[in-house]
C-alpha cells in the first residue's frame, strides 16, 4: 500500500531576507536538537477500495530473515516500504509494488517455513470466511482485526492452498 508524499509551501530565501531586514530582530532562542526519525511506526489505517474486491491486494511474505528479504525486495524488485511497525511476533515491513497492491514481510513462526500467502480484498472478511468454511475450506486463522479498518482471516481451500481474506 503506497504512502502519500507530503507537500509544503516554500517561501523564497530572498523574500525572507528582505522581510527580516525591515524588522527589529529579537534575540534568537536556543534550538532543541532535532529528534531522530524512527524507522518504526504505528500500524497504518486502511480504507477498503470497493473496485478491488476479489483481487489479490496483499501478499504476506514469511521470512527467516525479514530484514534481508526487505533489502533484497527493495534492491532487486524496486518495492517501496513504509516505516516498519512492531507486532507481537516482531517488526512488520509493509511494501507497495503498485498503487493497487503490496504486502508485508514478517518473521516466520516456529510452526512454518518461509513462504508467501495471498490475501484477497473482500467487502466483509467475516462473511467471506464463513462462505469459505461452508464450501469446504479448513480454518487456519479465524477473522481478527489487525488494524483500524482491516480484519483478516486465513483458510486452507480444498486442494491444500492457503488463502487469506482482508477487508472490513
C-alpha atoms as a PDB file:
ATOM      1  CA  UNK A   1       0.000   0.000   0.000  1.00  0.00           C
ATOM      2  CA  UNK A   2       1.818   3.174  -1.164  1.00  0.00           C
ATOM      3  CA  UNK A   3       2.449   6.138   1.082  1.00  0.00           C
ATOM      4  CA  UNK A   4       1.494   9.659   0.186  1.00  0.00           C
ATOM      5  CA  UNK A   5       4.040  12.445  -0.300  1.00  0.00           C
ATOM      6  CA  UNK A   6       3.660  15.489   1.927  1.00  0.00           C
ATOM      7  CA  UNK A   7       3.891  18.821   0.209  1.00  0.00           C
ATOM      8  CA  UNK A   8       4.520  22.228   1.714  1.00  0.00           C
ATOM      9  CA  UNK A   9       4.649  25.822   0.501  1.00  0.00           C
ATOM     10  CA  UNK A  10       8.141  27.212   0.201  1.00  0.00           C
ATOM     11  CA  UNK A  11       8.937  30.884   0.654  1.00  0.00           C
ATOM     12  CA  UNK A  12      11.939  32.193  -1.251  1.00  0.00           C
ATOM     13  CA  UNK A  13      15.062  32.948   0.740  1.00  0.00           C
ATOM     14  CA  UNK A  14      15.250  36.408  -0.803  1.00  0.00           C
ATOM     15  CA  UNK A  15      11.745  37.348   0.383  1.00  0.00           C
ATOM     16  CA  UNK A  16      12.601  36.161   3.878  1.00  0.00           C
ATOM     17  CA  UNK A  17      15.831  38.182   3.896  1.00  0.00           C
ATOM     18  CA  UNK A  18      14.040  41.369   2.790  1.00  0.00           C
ATOM     19  CA  UNK A  19      11.312  40.933   5.391  1.00  0.00           C
ATOM     20  CA  UNK A  20      13.848  40.211   8.135  1.00  0.00           C
ATOM     21  CA  UNK A  21      15.921  43.297   7.334  1.00  0.00           C
ATOM     22  CA  UNK A  22      12.930  45.611   7.817  1.00  0.00           C
ATOM     23  CA  UNK A  23      12.050  44.366  11.326  1.00  0.00           C
ATOM     24  CA  UNK A  24      13.820  44.598  14.641  1.00  0.00           C
ATOM     25  CA  UNK A  25      15.411  41.267  15.340  1.00  0.00           C
ATOM     26  CA  UNK A  26      14.537  39.573  18.643  1.00  0.00           C
ATOM     27  CA  UNK A  27      17.236  37.601  20.408  1.00  0.00           C
ATOM     28  CA  UNK A  28      17.271  34.092  18.897  1.00  0.00           C
ATOM     29  CA  UNK A  29      16.028  31.269  21.076  1.00  0.00           C
ATOM     30  CA  UNK A  30      18.176  28.229  21.685  1.00  0.00           C
ATOM     31  CA  UNK A  31      17.229  25.408  19.348  1.00  0.00           C
ATOM     32  CA  UNK A  32      16.477  21.960  20.618  1.00  0.00           C
ATOM     33  CA  UNK A  33      18.374  19.171  18.911  1.00  0.00           C
ATOM     34  CA  UNK A  34      16.371  17.629  16.084  1.00  0.00           C
ATOM     35  CA  UNK A  35      14.627  14.412  17.010  1.00  0.00           C
ATOM     36  CA  UNK A  36      15.921  11.343  15.230  1.00  0.00           C
ATOM     37  CA  UNK A  37      13.496   9.883  12.735  1.00  0.00           C
ATOM     38  CA  UNK A  38      12.437   6.400  13.669  1.00  0.00           C
ATOM     39  CA  UNK A  39      12.276   3.644  11.103  1.00  0.00           C
ATOM     40  CA  UNK A  40       9.351   2.189  13.054  1.00  0.00           C
ATOM     41  CA  UNK A  41       5.832   3.495  13.323  1.00  0.00           C
ATOM     42  CA  UNK A  42       2.353   2.567  14.446  1.00  0.00           C
ATOM     43  CA  UNK A  43       0.248   0.337  12.220  1.00  0.00           C
ATOM     44  CA  UNK A  44      -1.303   2.435   9.462  1.00  0.00           C
ATOM     45  CA  UNK A  45      -5.041   2.768   8.942  1.00  0.00           C
ATOM     46  CA  UNK A  46      -6.670   1.376   5.819  1.00  0.00           C
ATOM     47  CA  UNK A  47      -9.785   2.271   3.876  1.00  0.00           C
ATOM     48  CA  UNK A  48     -11.122  -0.573   1.687  1.00  0.00           C
ATOM     49  CA  UNK A  49     -11.346   0.066  -2.066  1.00  0.00           C
ATOM     50  CA  UNK A  50     -14.622  -1.272  -3.493  1.00  0.00           C
ATOM     51  CA  UNK A  51     -13.284  -1.602  -7.037  1.00  0.00           C
ATOM     52  CA  UNK A  52     -10.680  -4.130  -5.874  1.00  0.00           C
ATOM     53  CA  UNK A  53     -12.961  -6.691  -4.197  1.00  0.00           C
ATOM     54  CA  UNK A  54     -11.882 -10.140  -5.350  1.00  0.00           C
ATOM     55  CA  UNK A  55      -8.318  -9.010  -6.216  1.00  0.00           C
ATOM     56  CA  UNK A  56      -5.151 -10.170  -4.509  1.00  0.00           C
ATOM     57  CA  UNK A  57      -4.119  -6.843  -2.999  1.00  0.00           C
ATOM     58  CA  UNK A  58      -1.816  -8.013  -0.192  1.00  0.00           C
ATOM     59  CA  UNK A  59       0.789 -10.750  -0.214  1.00  0.00           C
ATOM     60  CA  UNK A  60       2.403 -11.678   3.065  1.00  0.00           C
ATOM     61  CA  UNK A  61       5.956 -12.998   2.973  1.00  0.00           C
ATOM     62  CA  UNK A  62       7.045 -15.102   5.947  1.00  0.00           C
ATOM     63  CA  UNK A  63      10.847 -14.919   6.110  1.00  0.00           C
ATOM     64  CA  UNK A  64      13.566 -16.480   8.230  1.00  0.00           C
ATOM     65  CA  UNK A  65      15.386 -13.117   7.872  1.00  0.00           C
ATOM     66  CA  UNK A  66      12.848 -10.316   7.258  1.00  0.00           C
ATOM     67  CA  UNK A  67      15.487  -7.547   7.123  1.00  0.00           C
ATOM     68  CA  UNK A  68      17.449  -9.386   4.410  1.00  0.00           C
ATOM     69  CA  UNK A  69      14.251 -10.102   2.449  1.00  0.00           C
ATOM     70  CA  UNK A  70      13.206  -6.431   2.727  1.00  0.00           C
ATOM     71  CA  UNK A  71      16.592  -5.215   1.449  1.00  0.00           C
ATOM     72  CA  UNK A  72      16.579  -7.716  -1.435  1.00  0.00           C
ATOM     73  CA  UNK A  73      12.994  -6.797  -2.496  1.00  0.00           C
ATOM     74  CA  UNK A  74      13.833  -3.072  -2.450  1.00  0.00           C
ATOM     75  CA  UNK A  75      17.102  -3.534  -4.386  1.00  0.00           C
ATOM     76  CA  UNK A  76      16.028  -6.161  -6.908  1.00  0.00           C
ATOM     77  CA  UNK A  77      12.267  -5.610  -7.320  1.00  0.00           C
ATOM     78  CA  UNK A  78      12.138  -1.867  -6.674  1.00  0.00           C
ATOM     79  CA  UNK A  79       9.465  -2.174  -3.992  1.00  0.00           C
ATOM     80  CA  UNK A  80       8.980   0.763  -1.631  1.00  0.00           C
ATOM     81  CA  UNK A  81       8.459   0.296   2.085  1.00  0.00           C
ATOM     82  CA  UNK A  82       6.614   2.225   4.773  1.00  0.00           C
ATOM     83  CA  UNK A  83       8.310   2.504   8.178  1.00  0.00           C
ATOM     84  CA  UNK A  84       8.232  -0.865   9.936  1.00  0.00           C
ATOM     85  CA  UNK A  85       5.896  -1.250  12.908  1.00  0.00           C
ATOM     86  CA  UNK A  86       6.028  -3.623  15.870  1.00  0.00           C
ATOM     87  CA  UNK A  87       3.731  -6.622  16.253  1.00  0.00           C
ATOM     88  CA  UNK A  88       3.748  -9.291  18.982  1.00  0.00           C
ATOM     89  CA  UNK A  89       5.719 -11.531  16.575  1.00  0.00           C
ATOM     90  CA  UNK A  90       8.286  -8.851  15.605  1.00  0.00           C
ATOM     91  CA  UNK A  91       8.539  -5.951  13.190  1.00  0.00           C
ATOM     92  CA  UNK A  92       6.198  -5.916  10.178  1.00  0.00           C
ATOM     93  CA  UNK A  93       7.504  -4.377   6.957  1.00  0.00           C
ATOM     94  CA  UNK A  94       4.737  -3.067   4.645  1.00  0.00           C
ATOM     95  CA  UNK A  95       5.644  -2.728   0.973  1.00  0.00           C
ATOM     96  CA  UNK A  96       3.992  -1.500  -2.213  1.00  0.00           C
ATOM     97  CA  UNK A  97       4.685  -2.668  -5.744  1.00  0.00           C
ATOM     98  CA  UNK A  98       1.884  -0.600  -7.326  1.00  0.00           C
ATOM     99  CA  UNK A  99      -0.939   1.723  -6.311  1.00  0.00           C
ATOM    100  CA  UNK A 100      -3.248  -1.311  -6.156  1.00  0.00           C
ATOM    101  CA  UNK A 101      -1.164  -3.854  -4.305  1.00  0.00           C
ATOM    102  CA  UNK A 102       1.564  -4.648  -1.878  1.00  0.00           C
ATOM    103  CA  UNK A 103       2.035  -6.709   1.195  1.00  0.00           C
ATOM    104  CA  UNK A 104       4.148  -7.272   4.242  1.00  0.00           C
ATOM    105  CA  UNK A 105       7.224  -9.148   5.356  1.00  0.00           C
ATOM    106  CA  UNK A 106       7.267 -10.799   8.762  1.00  0.00           C
ATOM    107  CA  UNK A 107       9.324 -13.294  10.743  1.00  0.00           C
ATOM    108  CA  UNK A 108       8.375 -16.950  10.288  1.00  0.00           C
ATOM    109  CA  UNK A 109       6.849 -18.547  13.344  1.00  0.00           C
ATOM    110  CA  UNK A 110       8.113 -21.813  14.830  1.00  0.00           C
ATOM    111  CA  UNK A 111       5.468 -23.918  13.045  1.00  0.00           C
ATOM    112  CA  UNK A 112       6.183 -22.735   9.487  1.00  0.00           C
ATOM    113  CA  UNK A 113       8.862 -22.417   6.891  1.00  0.00           C
ATOM    114  CA  UNK A 114       9.441 -19.369   4.709  1.00  0.00           C
ATOM    115  CA  UNK A 115       6.704 -18.772   2.149  1.00  0.00           C
ATOM    116  CA  UNK A 116       4.018 -16.455   0.841  1.00  0.00           C
ATOM    117  CA  UNK A 117       0.300 -16.055   1.387  1.00  0.00           C
ATOM    118  CA  UNK A 118      -2.052 -14.110  -0.897  1.00  0.00           C
ATOM    119  CA  UNK A 119      -4.811 -12.040   0.706  1.00  0.00           C
ATOM    120  CA  UNK A 120      -7.983 -11.413  -1.299  1.00  0.00           C
ATOM    121  CA  UNK A 121      -9.615  -7.999  -0.825  1.00  0.00           C
ATOM    122  CA  UNK A 122     -13.235  -8.611   0.262  1.00  0.00           C
ATOM    123  CA  UNK A 123     -16.213  -6.463   1.256  1.00  0.00           C
ATOM    124  CA  UNK A 124     -16.632  -8.340   4.564  1.00  0.00           C
ATOM    125  CA  UNK A 125     -13.880 -10.591   5.967  1.00  0.00           C
ATOM    126  CA  UNK A 126     -16.263 -12.391   8.333  1.00  0.00           C
ATOM    127  CA  UNK A 127     -18.772 -13.190   5.554  1.00  0.00           C
ATOM    128  CA  UNK A 128     -16.036 -14.337   3.132  1.00  0.00           C
ATOM    129  CA  UNK A 129     -14.537 -16.554   5.858  1.00  0.00           C
ATOM    130  CA  UNK A 130     -17.941 -18.104   6.688  1.00  0.00           C
ATOM    131  CA  UNK A 131     -18.684 -18.746   2.994  1.00  0.00           C
ATOM    132  CA  UNK A 132     -15.270 -20.398   2.529  1.00  0.00           C
ATOM    133  CA  UNK A 133     -15.785 -22.711   5.528  1.00  0.00           C
ATOM    134  CA  UNK A 134     -19.296 -23.658   4.339  1.00  0.00           C
ATOM    135  CA  UNK A 135     -17.788 -24.519   0.938  1.00  0.00           C
ATOM    136  CA  UNK A 136     -15.254 -26.946   2.424  1.00  0.00           C
ATOM    137  CA  UNK A 137     -12.252 -24.849   3.481  1.00  0.00           C
ATOM    138  CA  UNK A 138     -10.464 -25.529   6.766  1.00  0.00           C
ATOM    139  CA  UNK A 139      -9.914 -22.835   9.389  1.00  0.00           C
ATOM    140  CA  UNK A 140      -6.301 -21.670   9.690  1.00  0.00           C
ATOM    141  CA  UNK A 141      -6.958 -18.322  11.407  1.00  0.00           C
ATOM    142  CA  UNK A 142     -10.413 -17.019  12.329  1.00  0.00           C
ATOM    143  CA  UNK A 143     -11.261 -13.391  11.496  1.00  0.00           C
ATOM    144  CA  UNK A 144      -9.247 -10.924  13.574  1.00  0.00           C
ATOM    145  CA  UNK A 145      -8.973  -7.127  13.374  1.00  0.00           C
ATOM    146  CA  UNK A 146      -5.312  -6.371  12.691  1.00  0.00           C
ATOM    147  CA  UNK A 147      -5.543  -2.567  12.363  1.00  0.00           C
ATOM    148  CA  UNK A 148      -8.201   0.101  12.056  1.00  0.00           C
ATOM    149  CA  UNK A 149     -10.390  -0.819   9.082  1.00  0.00           C
ATOM    150  CA  UNK A 150      -8.779  -4.209   8.416  1.00  0.00           C
ATOM    151  CA  UNK A 151      -9.889  -7.670   9.505  1.00  0.00           C
ATOM    152  CA  UNK A 152      -8.054 -10.720   8.187  1.00  0.00           C
ATOM    153  CA  UNK A 153      -8.822 -14.440   8.159  1.00  0.00           C
ATOM    154  CA  UNK A 154      -6.986 -17.418   6.655  1.00  0.00           C
ATOM    155  CA  UNK A 155      -8.356 -20.717   5.338  1.00  0.00           C
ATOM    156  CA  UNK A 156      -6.954 -23.796   3.629  1.00  0.00           C
ATOM    157  CA  UNK A 157      -9.002 -24.264   0.474  1.00  0.00           C
ATOM    158  CA  UNK A 158      -9.754 -27.703  -0.989  1.00  0.00           C
ATOM    159  CA  UNK A 159      -6.518 -28.951  -2.533  1.00  0.00           C
ATOM    160  CA  UNK A 160      -4.441 -27.576   0.348  1.00  0.00           C
ATOM    161  CA  UNK A 161      -3.884 -23.988  -0.852  1.00  0.00           C
ATOM    162  CA  UNK A 162      -3.906 -21.327   1.878  1.00  0.00           C
ATOM    163  CA  UNK A 163      -5.899 -18.192   1.082  1.00  0.00           C
ATOM    164  CA  UNK A 164      -6.247 -15.060   3.206  1.00  0.00           C
ATOM    165  CA  UNK A 165      -9.184 -12.662   3.258  1.00  0.00           C
ATOM    166  CA  UNK A 166      -8.725  -8.973   4.061  1.00  0.00           C
ATOM    167  CA  UNK A 167     -11.468  -6.387   4.457  1.00  0.00           C
ATOM    168  CA  UNK A 168     -13.619  -4.585   6.947  1.00  0.00           C
END
